[in-house]
Protein backbone atom coordinates (compact mmCIF):
# COMPACT_ATOMS: atom_id res chain seq x y z
CA MET A 1 -7.27 19.71 -3.92
CA SER A 2 -10.96 20.43 -3.52
CA LYS A 3 -12.00 19.45 -7.05
CA LYS A 4 -13.10 15.83 -7.16
CA PRO A 5 -10.65 13.78 -9.22
CA GLU A 6 -11.87 11.05 -11.53
CA GLN A 7 -12.79 7.90 -9.66
CA VAL A 8 -10.54 4.98 -10.55
CA LYS A 9 -12.25 1.61 -10.75
CA LEU A 10 -10.24 -1.61 -10.54
CA THR A 11 -11.14 -5.20 -9.93
CA THR A 12 -9.55 -6.88 -6.94
CA GLU A 13 -7.30 -8.84 -9.27
CA GLU A 14 -6.16 -5.70 -11.12
CA ALA A 15 -5.42 -3.89 -7.86
CA LYS A 16 -3.45 -6.84 -6.45
CA ALA A 17 -1.45 -7.21 -9.68
CA LEU A 18 -0.55 -3.50 -9.70
CA GLN A 19 0.36 -3.65 -6.02
CA GLU A 20 2.65 -6.65 -6.63
CA GLN A 21 4.39 -4.86 -9.50
CA VAL A 22 5.00 -1.79 -7.35
CA LEU A 23 6.21 -3.78 -4.35
CA ASN A 24 8.51 -5.90 -6.51
CA GLY A 25 10.03 -2.81 -8.10
CA GLU A 26 8.92 -3.87 -11.57
CA GLU A 27 8.85 -1.46 -14.49
CA LEU A 28 5.41 0.15 -14.88
CA SER A 29 3.90 1.10 -18.21
CA ALA A 30 2.76 4.68 -18.86
CA LYS A 31 -0.85 3.51 -18.44
CA GLN A 32 -0.04 1.89 -15.07
CA ARG A 33 1.77 5.03 -13.87
CA GLU A 34 -1.24 7.14 -14.87
CA LEU A 35 -3.55 4.71 -13.07
CA LEU A 36 -1.41 4.84 -9.93
CA ALA A 37 -1.33 8.65 -10.02
CA GLY A 38 -5.13 8.66 -10.32
CA LEU A 39 -5.47 6.33 -7.36
CA ILE A 40 -3.24 8.56 -5.24
CA SER A 41 -5.15 11.71 -6.26
CA PHE A 42 -8.51 10.12 -5.48
CA ASN A 43 -7.24 8.79 -2.14
CA LEU A 44 -5.92 12.22 -1.10
CA TRP A 45 -9.16 13.91 -2.14
CA LEU A 46 -11.27 11.36 -0.25
CA GLN A 47 -9.14 11.70 2.89
CA GLN A 48 -9.51 15.48 2.72
CA GLN A 49 -13.29 15.25 2.32
CA LEU A 50 -13.58 12.84 5.24
CA SER A 51 -11.33 14.89 7.51
CA HIS A 52 -13.42 18.00 6.92
CA ALA A 53 -16.56 16.00 7.67
CA SER A 54 -18.10 17.23 4.44
CA PHE A 55 -19.12 13.74 3.38
CA THR A 56 -22.21 12.01 4.64
CA ILE A 57 -22.90 8.31 4.40
CA LYS A 58 -25.41 9.11 1.66
CA LYS A 59 -22.74 10.93 -0.38
CA LEU A 60 -20.26 8.08 0.11
CA LYS A 61 -22.81 5.52 -1.08
CA LYS A 62 -23.53 7.65 -4.15
CA LEU A 63 -19.81 8.13 -4.84
CA PHE A 64 -19.15 4.39 -4.84
CA GLY A 65 -22.37 3.47 -6.64
CA PHE A 66 -24.29 1.83 -3.82
CA SER A 67 -28.05 2.10 -4.06
CA THR A 68 -30.30 2.01 -1.08
CA GLU A 69 -32.81 -0.76 -1.14
CA LYS A 70 -36.28 0.20 -0.13
CA LYS A 71 -38.02 -2.25 2.11
CA SER A 72 -41.34 -3.49 0.83
CA PRO A 73 -44.24 -3.18 3.22
CA PRO A 74 -45.19 -6.29 5.16
CA PRO A 75 -47.91 -8.39 3.49
CA MET A 76 -51.43 -7.69 4.64
CA MET A 77 -53.11 -10.57 6.46
C-alpha cells in the first residue's frame, strides 16, 4: 500500500457520531461504510509512511493543510 489513498476529512462531531454508531453496533449506510474503509486505508498508509521514516514534519504539515507562518522582522527603531 504505497500509493497515497484519498485523505478523509471529518469534523470532530462527524467522527464522534460515526464512532458511536460503530461502537453501538448500529447499522451503517453504504456511504458510512465507504467512509470508514477510507479512514482505515488512510490510517494504514500513514502508519506505513511513518514507520519507514519517509515523512518529514514538512510533508506532514502539507498533507494535513498546515501552513507555516513566516515571522515578520522586528520593527526598526
